[in-house]
Amino acid sequence: MIDLRALLDRIRRIIPSQTVEAIAQAAQVRELARQQSQPLAEAEALLLHGQAMLMYGRYEKGRTALMASLEIGRGIELGTLHGEALQQIARSYYSQGDYDRTAECWLACLALPPERVSPDVRCLAHIGLGQLLYAQEQYEAALAHHRHAVTLTLRPELSLYHAAALINVAADLLQLSQIDDAEAILDQALPLVQLSRHVEHEAELYGLQAQIRLARGDFERAQRHLRVALKLSRLHGNGWGEAYNLITLGRCSLAAGNFEHARDELTQALALAETMGTTSLAARAHEVLAELFERLGHATDAQRHLGLFRELRAQLLNQLSAARFATMELRLAN
């Protein structure tokens, strides 16, 4: 009989760096688990397949696999796979701008007993709630959540999640115009990211470093960082990261007066965002495109993109009720 545990462990290791291979292997292991009548292994294979699909920007297919994993849990005890699946489902909803369902999943994850959610997943849920507040432009509240996540990830075995929390703290500080503090936090995260060789975190770090350079008017260095971030995102099929970095690259080109480059980069980003169904990224792209066309003197196009940006932004900001925000704050207090 084939050792499914070894195969599952390998898939977990390669998801961040060899996403396409991970998708294929997870599908194979799921079939083997079904043949061997091992439902827990099948549930884990489905979870890993879903996780890898999310990294590839295939949110609907990824969520279908994750839901199927939870469905198996109706008949058997999934243990900590339960919390892990909820965390990944929340990520899929977040990427597509469905913030109410996102909050519901992360709060449900935090409500699970310890035997059904691992410490790392609990940390990720706190990081996620901070990202949700960030998307709602509640940057101070987001920063509080992410700093809380930093305190939850101080143990050596959680260093990967500590790096993720630090990266999110830096992103919050950038939005609050605390550039020097953001750079200092990224300096703390850098060795952890290099040690873990986590491609997604590495791309995020380069992207944030580029934003710092852009804020300081150093367009050339900003573009160098962004090209690295973009290459990493494309190499490993991270569509969200690719679109996000293209938008930042468009902002950089616009600031440097390279209007044609900016138009190409932002048009690519918008097409990617719309293909993936990521409302937040589409809104960002429309916002910068409006600025670009205004600079070009194309008032009609500028107003069209500005109108679309405002429409999408309103959709995003009106999703969470005051009661939901209060619940998120309560979770932070606990």
Protein backbone atom coordinates (compact mmCIF):
# COMPACT_ATOMS: atom_id res chain seq x y z
CA MET A 1 0.00 0.00 0.00
CA ILE A 2 1.31 3.46 -0.95
CA ASP A 3 2.27 5.70 1.98
CA LEU A 4 -0.20 8.55 1.56
CA ARG A 5 1.17 10.45 4.57
CA ALA A 6 4.52 10.94 2.88
CA LEU A 7 2.82 12.10 -0.32
CA LEU A 8 0.60 14.57 1.53
CA ASP A 9 3.58 15.97 3.44
CA ARG A 10 5.45 16.51 0.19
CA ILE A 11 2.50 18.37 -1.36
CA ARG A 12 2.38 20.67 1.67
CA ARG A 13 6.07 21.47 1.20
CA ILE A 14 5.86 22.26 -2.52
CA ILE A 15 2.59 24.27 -2.65
CA PRO A 16 4.31 27.69 -2.21
CA SER A 17 7.05 27.04 -4.76
CA GLN A 18 5.69 24.41 -7.19
CA THR A 19 1.99 25.17 -7.23
CA VAL A 20 1.08 23.52 -10.54
CA GLU A 21 2.80 20.28 -9.57
CA ALA A 22 1.08 20.40 -6.18
CA ILE A 23 -2.33 20.62 -7.88
CA ALA A 24 -1.62 17.55 -9.99
CA GLN A 25 -0.21 15.52 -7.10
CA ALA A 26 -3.08 16.40 -4.77
CA ALA A 27 -5.58 15.12 -7.34
CA GLN A 28 -3.62 11.86 -7.63
CA VAL A 29 -3.45 11.39 -3.85
CA ARG A 30 -7.17 12.04 -3.51
CA GLU A 31 -7.89 9.22 -5.96
CA LEU A 32 -5.49 6.90 -4.15
CA ALA A 33 -7.16 7.71 -0.82
CA ARG A 34 -10.57 6.88 -2.26
CA GLN A 35 -9.26 3.58 -3.60
CA GLN A 36 -7.78 2.73 -0.19
CA SER A 37 -10.92 3.87 1.68
CA GLN A 38 -9.02 6.47 3.72
CA PRO A 39 -11.49 9.38 4.06
CA LEU A 40 -9.22 11.48 6.30
CA ALA A 41 -6.42 11.33 3.73
CA GLU A 42 -8.95 12.14 1.00
CA ALA A 43 -10.13 15.17 2.97
CA GLU A 44 -6.55 16.40 3.36
CA ALA A 45 -5.80 15.86 -0.33
CA LEU A 46 -8.91 17.88 -1.23
CA LEU A 47 -7.83 20.62 1.18
CA LEU A 48 -4.35 20.82 -0.35
CA HIS A 49 -5.78 20.74 -3.87
CA GLY A 50 -8.07 23.63 -2.95
CA GLN A 51 -5.24 25.60 -1.33
CA ALA A 52 -3.04 25.25 -4.40
CA MET A 53 -5.91 26.23 -6.71
CA LEU A 54 -6.43 29.41 -4.67
CA MET A 55 -2.77 30.34 -5.09
CA TYR A 56 -3.26 29.87 -8.83
CA GLY A 57 -6.18 32.32 -8.79
CA ARG A 58 -8.85 29.66 -9.43
CA TYR A 59 -11.06 30.63 -6.52
CA GLU A 60 -14.30 28.88 -7.45
CA LYS A 61 -12.62 25.54 -8.15
CA GLY A 62 -10.43 25.86 -5.09
CA ARG A 63 -13.41 26.60 -2.85
CA THR A 64 -15.32 23.63 -4.31
CA ALA A 65 -12.47 21.31 -3.26
CA LEU A 66 -12.33 22.86 0.22
CA MET A 67 -16.08 22.51 0.69
CA ALA A 68 -15.81 18.86 -0.37
CA SER A 69 -13.14 18.38 2.30
CA LEU A 70 -15.49 19.77 4.97
CA GLU A 71 -18.30 17.58 3.63
CA ILE A 72 -16.21 14.48 4.39
CA GLY A 73 -16.04 15.83 7.96
CA ARG A 74 -19.76 15.22 8.34
CA GLY A 75 -18.97 11.52 8.57
CA ILE A 76 -15.60 11.50 10.34
CA GLU A 77 -13.64 13.73 12.73
CA LEU A 78 -11.31 15.96 10.71
CA GLY A 79 -9.29 17.25 13.66
CA THR A 80 -7.30 20.37 12.81
CA LEU A 81 -8.11 19.97 9.11
CA HIS A 82 -11.47 21.57 9.98
CA GLY A 83 -9.90 24.89 10.98
CA GLU A 84 -7.48 24.72 8.07
CA ALA A 85 -10.30 24.31 5.55
CA LEU A 86 -12.26 27.22 7.05
CA GLN A 87 -9.15 29.40 6.87
CA GLN A 88 -8.63 28.62 3.19
CA ILE A 89 -12.30 29.17 2.34
CA ALA A 90 -12.08 32.55 4.04
CA ARG A 91 -9.05 33.39 1.89
CA SER A 92 -11.00 32.57 -1.27
CA TYR A 93 -13.91 34.81 -0.29
CA TYR A 94 -11.52 37.58 0.73
CA SER A 95 -9.70 37.47 -2.62
CA GLN A 96 -13.03 37.88 -4.43
CA GLY A 97 -14.21 40.73 -2.20
CA ASP A 98 -17.00 38.80 -0.43
CA TYR A 99 -16.16 40.26 2.97
CA ASP A 100 -19.24 39.18 4.91
CA ARG A 101 -18.62 35.50 4.17
CA THR A 102 -14.92 36.07 4.77
CA ALA A 103 -15.56 37.39 8.28
CA GLU A 104 -18.02 34.58 8.97
CA CYS A 105 -15.40 31.92 8.12
CA TRP A 106 -12.54 33.49 10.09
CA LEU A 107 -14.73 34.08 13.14
CA ALA A 108 -15.98 30.48 12.91
CA CYS A 109 -12.36 29.34 12.75
CA LEU A 110 -11.52 31.21 15.96
CA ALA A 111 -14.60 29.74 17.65
CA LEU A 112 -13.40 26.14 17.13
CA PRO A 113 -12.02 24.20 20.13
CA PRO A 114 -8.22 23.68 20.25
CA GLU A 115 -8.42 20.11 18.95
CA ARG A 116 -10.00 21.35 15.70
CA VAL A 117 -7.78 24.34 14.92
CA SER A 118 -3.97 24.43 15.12
CA PRO A 119 -2.06 27.40 16.59
CA ASP A 120 -0.76 28.44 13.16
CA VAL A 121 -4.24 28.49 11.64
CA ARG A 122 -5.57 30.48 14.61
CA CYS A 123 -2.80 33.01 13.93
CA LEU A 124 -3.73 33.13 10.24
CA ALA A 125 -7.36 33.82 11.16
CA HIS A 126 -6.25 36.82 13.22
CA ILE A 127 -4.03 37.99 10.36
CA GLY A 128 -6.98 37.56 8.02
CA LEU A 129 -9.33 39.63 10.16
CA GLY A 130 -6.71 42.37 10.09
CA GLN A 131 -6.55 42.15 6.30
CA LEU A 132 -10.33 42.38 6.15
CA LEU A 133 -10.25 45.57 8.21
CA TYR A 134 -7.46 46.85 5.93
CA ALA A 135 -9.69 46.25 2.91
CA GLN A 136 -12.40 48.24 4.67
CA GLU A 137 -9.89 51.11 5.09
CA GLN A 138 -9.91 50.64 8.88
CA TYR A 139 -6.12 50.80 9.04
CA GLU A 140 -5.69 51.44 12.78
CA ALA A 141 -7.93 48.49 13.62
CA ALA A 142 -6.10 46.34 11.07
CA LEU A 143 -2.79 47.27 12.65
CA ALA A 144 -4.08 46.25 16.09
CA HIS A 145 -5.06 42.80 14.75
CA HIS A 146 -1.76 42.29 12.98
CA ARG A 147 0.28 43.35 15.99
CA HIS A 148 -1.78 40.87 18.01
CA ALA A 149 -0.85 38.19 15.46
CA VAL A 150 2.83 39.09 15.91
CA THR A 151 2.53 38.34 19.64
CA LEU A 152 0.87 34.99 18.89
CA THR A 153 3.70 33.84 16.61
CA LEU A 154 6.79 34.32 18.77
CA ARG A 155 7.59 30.60 19.10
CA PRO A 156 10.35 29.39 16.71
CA GLU A 157 8.08 26.82 15.04
CA LEU A 158 5.72 29.66 14.02
CA SER A 159 8.42 31.77 12.35
CA LEU A 160 6.73 31.55 8.93
CA TYR A 161 3.53 33.00 10.40
CA HIS A 162 5.52 35.56 12.35
CA ALA A 163 6.92 36.77 9.02
CA ALA A 164 3.40 36.95 7.57
CA ALA A 165 2.20 39.00 10.54
CA LEU A 166 5.15 41.39 10.22
CA ILE A 167 4.53 41.85 6.48
CA ASN A 168 0.92 42.80 7.23
CA VAL A 169 1.99 45.22 9.97
CA ALA A 170 4.27 46.90 7.41
CA ALA A 171 1.40 47.16 4.90
CA ASP A 172 -0.81 48.82 7.55
CA LEU A 173 1.93 51.28 8.49
CA LEU A 174 2.38 52.24 4.83
CA GLN A 175 -1.31 53.14 4.61
CA LEU A 176 -0.88 55.24 7.75
CA SER A 177 2.08 57.02 6.07
CA GLN A 178 4.53 55.68 8.68
CA ILE A 179 7.17 54.91 6.05
CA ASP A 180 10.23 54.56 8.29
CA ASP A 181 8.42 52.26 10.71
CA ALA A 182 7.16 50.12 7.82
CA GLU A 183 10.69 49.76 6.46
CA ALA A 184 12.03 48.75 9.88
CA ILE A 185 9.34 46.04 10.17
CA LEU A 186 10.17 44.70 6.70
CA ASP A 187 13.83 44.49 7.76
CA GLN A 188 12.70 42.21 10.60
CA ALA A 189 10.65 40.04 8.22
CA LEU A 190 13.33 39.71 5.52
CA PRO A 191 15.59 37.08 7.19
CA LEU A 192 12.56 34.99 8.17
CA VAL A 193 11.26 35.05 4.60
CA GLN A 194 14.68 34.19 3.19
CA LEU A 195 15.05 31.31 5.63
CA SER A 196 11.63 29.85 4.86
CA ARG A 197 11.99 30.41 1.09
CA HIS A 198 8.26 31.12 0.97
CA VAL A 199 7.71 32.54 -2.51
CA GLU A 200 4.40 34.30 -1.81
CA HIS A 201 5.83 36.11 1.22
CA GLU A 202 8.95 36.99 -0.75
CA ALA A 203 6.86 38.54 -3.52
CA GLU A 204 4.80 40.49 -0.97
CA LEU A 205 7.94 41.77 0.70
CA TYR A 206 9.46 42.99 -2.57
CA GLY A 207 6.14 44.61 -3.47
CA LEU A 208 6.01 46.51 -0.16
CA GLN A 209 9.63 47.56 -0.51
CA ALA A 210 8.69 48.95 -3.92
CA GLN A 211 5.88 50.97 -2.37
CA ILE A 212 8.35 52.47 0.10
CA ARG A 213 10.71 53.42 -2.76
CA LEU A 214 7.78 54.87 -4.70
CA ALA A 215 6.68 56.94 -1.70
CA ARG A 216 10.21 58.34 -1.51
CA GLY A 217 10.32 59.16 -5.21
CA ASP A 218 12.93 56.52 -6.06
CA PHE A 219 11.14 55.20 -9.16
CA GLU A 220 14.05 53.20 -10.54
CA ARG A 221 14.56 51.11 -7.40
CA ALA A 222 10.80 50.74 -7.00
CA GLN A 223 10.56 49.28 -10.50
CA ARG A 224 13.45 46.88 -9.82
CA HIS A 225 11.69 45.54 -6.70
CA LEU A 226 8.41 45.25 -8.58
CA ARG A 227 9.94 43.30 -11.45
CA VAL A 228 11.27 40.75 -8.95
CA ALA A 229 7.87 40.56 -7.22
CA LEU A 230 6.10 40.22 -10.56
CA LYS A 231 8.46 37.48 -11.74
CA LEU A 232 7.92 35.49 -8.54
CA SER A 233 4.14 35.86 -8.79
CA ARG A 234 4.07 34.78 -12.43
CA LEU A 235 6.52 31.94 -11.95
CA HIS A 236 4.30 30.33 -9.34
CA GLY A 237 0.91 31.21 -10.80
CA ASN A 238 -0.10 33.71 -8.11
CA GLY A 239 -2.66 35.69 -10.09
CA TRP A 240 -3.63 37.96 -7.19
CA GLY A 241 0.00 38.88 -6.56
CA GLU A 242 0.60 39.45 -10.28
CA ALA A 243 -2.34 41.83 -10.57
CA TYR A 244 -1.45 43.68 -7.37
CA ASN A 245 2.16 44.19 -8.48
CA LEU A 246 1.08 45.28 -11.96
CA ILE A 247 -1.08 47.98 -10.36
CA THR A 248 1.85 49.19 -8.25
CA LEU A 249 4.08 49.08 -11.34
CA GLY A 250 1.45 51.16 -13.16
CA ARG A 251 1.48 53.69 -10.33
CA CYS A 252 5.27 53.80 -10.55
CA SER A 253 5.25 54.30 -14.32
CA LEU A 254 2.61 57.01 -13.96
CA ALA A 255 4.63 58.85 -11.31
CA ALA A 256 7.71 58.66 -13.56
CA GLY A 257 5.75 60.02 -16.54
CA ASN A 258 5.87 56.77 -18.55
CA PHE A 259 2.21 56.91 -19.57
CA GLU A 260 2.23 54.17 -22.22
CA HIS A 261 3.87 51.70 -19.86
CA ALA A 262 1.40 52.65 -17.13
CA ARG A 263 -1.53 52.07 -19.47
CA ASP A 264 -0.27 48.61 -20.50
CA GLU A 265 0.42 47.55 -16.90
CA LEU A 266 -2.90 48.77 -15.53
CA THR A 267 -4.89 47.28 -18.42
CA GLN A 268 -3.23 43.91 -17.78
CA ALA A 269 -3.96 44.20 -14.05
CA LEU A 270 -7.61 45.05 -14.63
CA ALA A 271 -8.08 42.12 -17.02
CA LEU A 272 -6.53 39.75 -14.48
CA ALA A 273 -8.64 41.12 -11.63
CA GLU A 274 -11.85 40.79 -13.64
CA THR A 275 -10.96 37.26 -14.75
CA MET A 276 -10.38 36.22 -11.13
CA GLY A 277 -13.39 38.13 -9.86
CA THR A 278 -11.31 40.15 -7.38
CA THR A 279 -13.35 43.30 -6.82
CA SER A 280 -10.77 45.01 -4.60
CA LEU A 281 -8.03 44.77 -7.23
CA ALA A 282 -10.39 45.87 -10.01
CA ALA A 283 -11.27 48.93 -7.93
CA ARG A 284 -7.57 49.76 -7.42
CA ALA A 285 -6.89 49.41 -11.16
CA HIS A 286 -9.80 51.69 -12.09
CA GLU A 287 -8.62 54.29 -9.58
CA VAL A 288 -5.13 54.52 -11.08
CA LEU A 289 -6.48 54.36 -14.65
CA ALA A 290 -8.68 57.38 -13.83
CA GLU A 291 -5.60 59.28 -12.69
CA LEU A 292 -3.70 58.21 -15.82
CA PHE A 293 -6.40 59.39 -18.23
CA GLU A 294 -6.74 62.64 -16.32
CA ARG A 295 -3.00 63.22 -16.77
CA LEU A 296 -3.39 62.42 -20.49
CA GLY A 297 -6.21 64.93 -20.79
CA HIS A 298 -8.83 62.27 -21.67
CA ALA A 299 -11.60 63.56 -19.43
CA THR A 300 -14.32 61.13 -20.60
CA ASP A 301 -12.17 58.03 -19.95
CA ALA A 302 -11.00 59.46 -16.63
CA GLN A 303 -14.58 59.99 -15.45
CA ARG A 304 -15.62 56.50 -16.60
CA HIS A 305 -12.85 54.80 -14.62
CA LEU A 306 -13.43 57.07 -11.62
CA GLY A 307 -17.12 56.16 -11.65
CA LEU A 308 -16.31 52.43 -11.79
CA PHE A 309 -13.80 52.82 -8.96
CA ARG A 310 -16.36 54.58 -6.76
CA GLU A 311 -19.01 51.99 -7.55
CA LEU A 312 -16.75 49.04 -6.68
CA ARG A 313 -15.35 50.78 -3.59
CA ALA A 314 -18.88 51.41 -2.32
CA GLN A 315 -19.71 47.72 -2.83
CA LEU A 316 -16.68 46.71 -0.79
CA LEU A 317 -17.20 49.19 2.04
CA ASN A 318 -20.91 48.45 2.46
CA GLN A 319 -20.58 44.71 2.98
CA LEU A 320 -19.87 44.55 6.70
CA SER A 321 -22.38 45.71 9.26
CA ALA A 322 -21.54 47.55 12.49
CA ALA A 323 -22.43 44.36 14.37
CA ARG A 324 -19.89 42.39 12.35
CA PHE A 325 -17.16 44.94 13.10
CA ALA A 326 -18.05 44.75 16.78
CA THR A 327 -17.70 40.95 16.70
CA MET A 328 -14.29 41.26 15.05
CA GLU A 329 -13.16 43.66 17.77
CA LEU A 330 -14.44 41.27 20.44
CA ARG A 331 -12.33 38.47 18.97
CA LEU A 332 -9.27 40.70 19.17
CA ALA A 333 -10.02 41.48 22.81
CA ASN A 334 -10.25 37.76 23.57
